[in-house]
């Protein structure tokens, strides 16, 4: 790869890093071609972009992004590194967790989610449990619906109780 190609790769990575609020760094070294292809297929099916990158180029791209601070990630840029981009914060973590049920790799090096940095494979379980934006919105809607349902059911129950009382009083008078 000549200098011009490296600069182009840095620019492409810097643009992706600048536009994305969610990416994971993983170690996929020593995976067989078959397992590597399975992982790529799974990523494709889950709308996760997987790309093997050179650490030096990735670091330069990170330094080039002005409005985000990736300095906490510099220490994990050793050995084989793949970057996974996603629109959903927990999608890559769930994917890695599912894939590791049958394989030892990929190992999570770090994750960057909405300006928060998570370093280490021990964070995988916690990241997989994170709720997506859509799940959080659904939870909020359920919480908002619950009091309204109670009010409506109370009003309808009260109406039937009053009519029941009136009917009982009417029968007593007869």
C-alpha atoms as a PDB file:
ATOM      1  CA  UNK A   1       0.000   0.000   0.000  1.00  0.00           C
ATOM      2  CA  UNK A   2       1.580   3.281  -1.051  1.00  0.00           C
ATOM      3  CA  UNK A   3       1.309   6.602   0.776  1.00  0.00           C
ATOM      4  CA  UNK A   4      -1.589   7.871  -1.349  1.00  0.00           C
ATOM      5  CA  UNK A   5      -3.628   4.709  -0.740  1.00  0.00           C
ATOM      6  CA  UNK A   6      -2.902   4.953   2.992  1.00  0.00           C
ATOM      7  CA  UNK A   7      -4.057   8.580   3.054  1.00  0.00           C
ATOM      8  CA  UNK A   8      -7.251   7.614   1.226  1.00  0.00           C
ATOM      9  CA  UNK A   9      -7.883   4.812   3.723  1.00  0.00           C
ATOM     10  CA  UNK A  10      -7.300   7.217   6.637  1.00  0.00           C
ATOM     11  CA  UNK A  11      -9.763   9.703   5.114  1.00  0.00           C
ATOM     12  CA  UNK A  12     -12.409   7.002   4.615  1.00  0.00           C
ATOM     13  CA  UNK A  13     -11.983   5.740   8.195  1.00  0.00           C
ATOM     14  CA  UNK A  14     -12.014   9.282   9.613  1.00  0.00           C
ATOM     15  CA  UNK A  15     -15.254  10.012   7.769  1.00  0.00           C
ATOM     16  CA  UNK A  16     -16.862   6.796   9.062  1.00  0.00           C
ATOM     17  CA  UNK A  17     -15.693   7.486  12.619  1.00  0.00           C
ATOM     18  CA  UNK A  18     -16.961  11.056  12.456  1.00  0.00           C
ATOM     19  CA  UNK A  19     -20.398  10.018  11.190  1.00  0.00           C
ATOM     20  CA  UNK A  20     -20.859   7.025  13.476  1.00  0.00           C
ATOM     21  CA  UNK A  21     -21.716   7.188  17.162  1.00  0.00           C
ATOM     22  CA  UNK A  22     -21.354   3.434  17.564  1.00  0.00           C
ATOM     23  CA  UNK A  23     -18.436   1.177  16.734  1.00  0.00           C
ATOM     24  CA  UNK A  24     -16.700  -1.805  18.267  1.00  0.00           C
ATOM     25  CA  UNK A  25     -13.077  -2.901  17.998  1.00  0.00           C
ATOM     26  CA  UNK A  26     -12.570  -6.655  18.000  1.00  0.00           C
ATOM     27  CA  UNK A  27      -9.737  -9.151  17.647  1.00  0.00           C
ATOM     28  CA  UNK A  28     -10.449 -11.748  14.968  1.00  0.00           C
ATOM     29  CA  UNK A  29      -6.901 -13.114  14.694  1.00  0.00           C
ATOM     30  CA  UNK A  30      -6.362 -16.835  14.214  1.00  0.00           C
ATOM     31  CA  UNK A  31      -9.898 -17.446  12.948  1.00  0.00           C
ATOM     32  CA  UNK A  32     -10.195 -19.967  10.172  1.00  0.00           C
ATOM     33  CA  UNK A  33     -11.378 -18.771   6.769  1.00  0.00           C
ATOM     34  CA  UNK A  34     -14.623 -20.681   7.267  1.00  0.00           C
ATOM     35  CA  UNK A  35     -15.317 -19.026  10.645  1.00  0.00           C
ATOM     36  CA  UNK A  36     -14.278 -15.648   9.315  1.00  0.00           C
ATOM     37  CA  UNK A  37     -16.769 -16.010   6.468  1.00  0.00           C
ATOM     38  CA  UNK A  38     -19.495 -17.089   8.909  1.00  0.00           C
ATOM     39  CA  UNK A  39     -18.802 -14.010  11.014  1.00  0.00           C
ATOM     40  CA  UNK A  40     -18.921 -11.716   7.980  1.00  0.00           C
ATOM     41  CA  UNK A  41     -22.210 -13.296   6.843  1.00  0.00           C
ATOM     42  CA  UNK A  42     -23.708 -12.892  10.316  1.00  0.00           C
ATOM     43  CA  UNK A  43     -22.585  -9.253  10.400  1.00  0.00           C
ATOM     44  CA  UNK A  44     -24.127  -8.648   6.993  1.00  0.00           C
ATOM     45  CA  UNK A  45     -27.435 -10.206   8.088  1.00  0.00           C
ATOM     46  CA  UNK A  46     -27.526  -8.036  11.239  1.00  0.00           C
ATOM     47  CA  UNK A  47     -26.651  -4.762   9.467  1.00  0.00           C
ATOM     48  CA  UNK A  48     -23.244  -4.567  11.113  1.00  0.00           C
ATOM     49  CA  UNK A  49     -20.340  -3.452   8.955  1.00  0.00           C
ATOM     50  CA  UNK A  50     -17.140  -5.432   9.640  1.00  0.00           C
ATOM     51  CA  UNK A  51     -13.770  -4.303   8.363  1.00  0.00           C
ATOM     52  CA  UNK A  52     -10.228  -5.410   9.204  1.00  0.00           C
ATOM     53  CA  UNK A  53      -8.031  -2.340   9.679  1.00  0.00           C
ATOM     54  CA  UNK A  54      -4.396  -1.511  10.247  1.00  0.00           C
ATOM     55  CA  UNK A  55      -3.870  -0.131  13.733  1.00  0.00           C
ATOM     56  CA  UNK A  56      -1.628   2.748  12.633  1.00  0.00           C
ATOM     57  CA  UNK A  57      -4.109   3.882   9.984  1.00  0.00           C
ATOM     58  CA  UNK A  58      -7.022   3.613  12.420  1.00  0.00           C
ATOM     59  CA  UNK A  59      -5.162   5.657  15.034  1.00  0.00           C
ATOM     60  CA  UNK A  60      -4.370   8.371  12.486  1.00  0.00           C
ATOM     61  CA  UNK A  61      -8.016   8.396  11.403  1.00  0.00           C
ATOM     62  CA  UNK A  62      -9.119   8.710  15.044  1.00  0.00           C
ATOM     63  CA  UNK A  63      -6.729  11.612  15.565  1.00  0.00           C
ATOM     64  CA  UNK A  64      -8.107  13.275  12.440  1.00  0.00           C
ATOM     65  CA  UNK A  65     -11.685  13.386  13.780  1.00  0.00           C
ATOM     66  CA  UNK A  66     -11.859  16.739  15.518  1.00  0.00           C
ATOM     67  CA  UNK A  67     -15.147  16.663  17.413  1.00  0.00           C
ATOM     68  CA  UNK A  68     -14.675  13.291  19.149  1.00  0.00           C
ATOM     69  CA  UNK A  69     -12.059  12.045  21.603  1.00  0.00           C
ATOM     70  CA  UNK A  70     -10.865   8.501  20.946  1.00  0.00           C
ATOM     71  CA  UNK A  71      -7.694   8.715  23.060  1.00  0.00           C
ATOM     72  CA  UNK A  72      -8.913   6.016  25.488  1.00  0.00           C
ATOM     73  CA  UNK A  73      -8.958   3.552  22.578  1.00  0.00           C
ATOM     74  CA  UNK A  74      -5.331   4.045  21.504  1.00  0.00           C
ATOM     75  CA  UNK A  75      -4.006   1.444  23.968  1.00  0.00           C
ATOM     76  CA  UNK A  76      -6.091  -1.381  22.455  1.00  0.00           C
ATOM     77  CA  UNK A  77      -4.739  -0.780  18.944  1.00  0.00           C
ATOM     78  CA  UNK A  78      -2.317  -3.691  19.064  1.00  0.00           C
ATOM     79  CA  UNK A  79      -2.387  -6.965  17.194  1.00  0.00           C
ATOM     80  CA  UNK A  80      -5.179  -7.807  14.786  1.00  0.00           C
ATOM     81  CA  UNK A  81      -8.030  -5.277  14.840  1.00  0.00           C
ATOM     82  CA  UNK A  82     -11.409  -5.290  13.157  1.00  0.00           C
ATOM     83  CA  UNK A  83     -13.869  -2.449  13.382  1.00  0.00           C
ATOM     84  CA  UNK A  84     -17.616  -3.049  13.511  1.00  0.00           C
ATOM     85  CA  UNK A  85     -19.998  -0.185  12.722  1.00  0.00           C
ATOM     86  CA  UNK A  86     -23.673  -0.354  13.660  1.00  0.00           C
ATOM     87  CA  UNK A  87     -26.716   1.863  14.079  1.00  0.00           C
ATOM     88  CA  UNK A  88     -27.827  -0.071  17.181  1.00  0.00           C
ATOM     89  CA  UNK A  89     -25.623   0.131  20.265  1.00  0.00           C
ATOM     90  CA  UNK A  90     -25.930  -3.466  21.416  1.00  0.00           C
ATOM     91  CA  UNK A  91     -26.057  -5.193  18.003  1.00  0.00           C
ATOM     92  CA  UNK A  92     -22.306  -5.927  17.680  1.00  0.00           C
ATOM     93  CA  UNK A  93     -22.113  -7.114  21.302  1.00  0.00           C
ATOM     94  CA  UNK A  94     -25.043  -9.497  20.813  1.00  0.00           C
ATOM     95  CA  UNK A  95     -23.492 -10.705  17.563  1.00  0.00           C
ATOM     96  CA  UNK A  96     -20.099 -11.378  19.189  1.00  0.00           C
ATOM     97  CA  UNK A  97     -21.753 -13.086  22.153  1.00  0.00           C
ATOM     98  CA  UNK A  98     -23.832 -15.322  19.885  1.00  0.00           C
ATOM     99  CA  UNK A  99     -20.860 -16.170  17.664  1.00  0.00           C
ATOM    100  CA  UNK A 100     -18.726 -17.075  20.673  1.00  0.00           C
ATOM    101  CA  UNK A 101     -21.136 -19.780  21.744  1.00  0.00           C
ATOM    102  CA  UNK A 102     -19.357 -21.968  19.168  1.00  0.00           C
ATOM    103  CA  UNK A 103     -16.009 -20.165  18.763  1.00  0.00           C
ATOM    104  CA  UNK A 104     -13.389 -18.526  20.974  1.00  0.00           C
ATOM    105  CA  UNK A 105     -13.138 -15.431  18.794  1.00  0.00           C
ATOM    106  CA  UNK A 106     -13.829 -12.602  18.160  1.00  0.00           C
ATOM    107  CA  UNK A 107     -12.636 -10.966  21.359  1.00  0.00           C
ATOM    108  CA  UNK A 108     -13.935  -7.524  22.225  1.00  0.00           C
ATOM    109  CA  UNK A 109     -11.129  -4.995  22.505  1.00  0.00           C
ATOM    110  CA  UNK A 110     -13.241  -1.889  23.006  1.00  0.00           C
ATOM    111  CA  UNK A 111     -16.510  -0.191  22.129  1.00  0.00           C
ATOM    112  CA  UNK A 112     -17.439   3.422  21.502  1.00  0.00           C
ATOM    113  CA  UNK A 113     -21.132   4.170  22.035  1.00  0.00           C
ATOM    114  CA  UNK A 114     -22.447   7.736  22.065  1.00  0.00           C
ATOM    115  CA  UNK A 115     -19.173   9.252  23.343  1.00  0.00           C
ATOM    116  CA  UNK A 116     -18.772   6.562  26.040  1.00  0.00           C
ATOM    117  CA  UNK A 117     -15.800   4.224  25.835  1.00  0.00           C
ATOM    118  CA  UNK A 118     -15.811   0.617  27.049  1.00  0.00           C
ATOM    119  CA  UNK A 119     -12.472  -1.191  27.080  1.00  0.00           C
ATOM    120  CA  UNK A 120     -12.002  -4.923  27.531  1.00  0.00           C
ATOM    121  CA  UNK A 121     -13.702  -8.197  26.737  1.00  0.00           C
ATOM    122  CA  UNK A 122     -15.208  -8.260  30.241  1.00  0.00           C
ATOM    123  CA  UNK A 123     -17.635  -5.494  29.140  1.00  0.00           C
ATOM    124  CA  UNK A 124     -19.232  -7.726  26.467  1.00  0.00           C
ATOM    125  CA  UNK A 125     -22.049  -9.049  28.676  1.00  0.00           C
ATOM    126  CA  UNK A 126     -22.988  -5.573  29.877  1.00  0.00           C
ATOM    127  CA  UNK A 127     -22.922  -4.163  26.328  1.00  0.00           C
ATOM    128  CA  UNK A 128     -25.118  -6.986  25.050  1.00  0.00           C
ATOM    129  CA  UNK A 129     -27.702  -6.116  27.728  1.00  0.00           C
ATOM    130  CA  UNK A 130     -27.878  -2.441  26.725  1.00  0.00           C
ATOM    131  CA  UNK A 131     -31.257  -1.475  25.364  1.00  0.00           C
ATOM    132  CA  UNK A 132     -31.517   0.020  21.909  1.00  0.00           C
ATOM    133  CA  UNK A 133     -33.145   3.389  21.326  1.00  0.00           C
ATOM    134  CA  UNK A 134     -36.278   1.674  20.009  1.00  0.00           C
ATOM    135  CA  UNK A 135     -36.499  -0.592  23.073  1.00  0.00           C
ATOM    136  CA  UNK A 136     -36.173   2.408  25.407  1.00  0.00           C
ATOM    137  CA  UNK A 137     -38.909   4.287  23.545  1.00  0.00           C
ATOM    138  CA  UNK A 138     -41.141   1.202  23.828  1.00  0.00           C
ATOM    139  CA  UNK A 139     -40.508   1.042  27.585  1.00  0.00           C
ATOM    140  CA  UNK A 140     -41.391   4.717  27.980  1.00  0.00           C
ATOM    141  CA  UNK A 141     -44.618   4.253  26.020  1.00  0.00           C
ATOM    142  CA  UNK A 142     -45.567   1.302  28.234  1.00  0.00           C
ATOM    143  CA  UNK A 143     -44.864   3.355  31.356  1.00  0.00           C
ATOM    144  CA  UNK A 144     -46.995   6.199  30.047  1.00  0.00           C
ATOM    145  CA  UNK A 145     -49.844   3.877  29.074  1.00  0.00           C
ATOM    146  CA  UNK A 146     -50.063   2.176  32.464  1.00  0.00           C
ATOM    147  CA  UNK A 147     -51.510   5.133  34.454  1.00  0.00           C
ATOM    148  CA  UNK A 148     -53.959   5.919  31.663  1.00  0.00           C
ATOM    149  CA  UNK A 149     -55.180   2.324  31.636  1.00  0.00           C
ATOM    150  CA  UNK A 150     -55.711   2.465  35.417  1.00  0.00           C
ATOM    151  CA  UNK A 151     -57.741   5.666  35.143  1.00  0.00           C
ATOM    152  CA  UNK A 152     -59.893   4.310  32.318  1.00  0.00           C
ATOM    153  CA  UNK A 153     -60.501   0.998  34.071  1.00  0.00           C
ATOM    154  CA  UNK A 154     -61.340   2.856  37.309  1.00  0.00           C
ATOM    155  CA  UNK A 155     -63.844   5.039  35.521  1.00  0.00           C
ATOM    156  CA  UNK A 156     -65.516   2.139  33.742  1.00  0.00           C
ATOM    157  CA  UNK A 157     -65.572   0.041  36.918  1.00  0.00           C
ATOM    158  CA  UNK A 158     -67.025   2.941  38.881  1.00  0.00           C
ATOM    159  CA  UNK A 159     -69.823   3.342  36.358  1.00  0.00           C
ATOM    160  CA  UNK A 160     -70.839  -0.287  36.648  1.00  0.00           C
ATOM    161  CA  UNK A 161     -70.679  -0.129  40.452  1.00  0.00           C
ATOM    162  CA  UNK A 162     -73.020   2.886  40.558  1.00  0.00           C
ATOM    163  CA  UNK A 163     -75.494   1.237  38.215  1.00  0.00           C
ATOM    164  CA  UNK A 164     -75.320  -1.937  40.325  1.00  0.00           C
ATOM    165  CA  UNK A 165     -76.045   0.037  43.494  1.00  0.00           C
ATOM    166  CA  UNK A 166     -78.975   1.825  41.882  1.00  0.00           C
ATOM    167  CA  UNK A 167     -80.400  -1.476  40.681  1.00  0.00           C
ATOM    168  CA  UNK A 168     -80.059  -3.006  44.170  1.00  0.00           C
ATOM    169  CA  UNK A 169     -81.770   0.005  45.784  1.00  0.00           C
ATOM    170  CA  UNK A 170     -84.564  -0.150  43.230  1.00  0.00           C
ATOM    171  CA  UNK A 171     -85.142  -3.853  43.935  1.00  0.00           C
ATOM    172  CA  UNK A 172     -85.201  -3.211  47.697  1.00  0.00           C
ATOM    173  CA  UNK A 173     -87.853  -0.547  47.347  1.00  0.00           C
ATOM    174  CA  UNK A 174     -90.062  -2.961  45.339  1.00  0.00           C
END
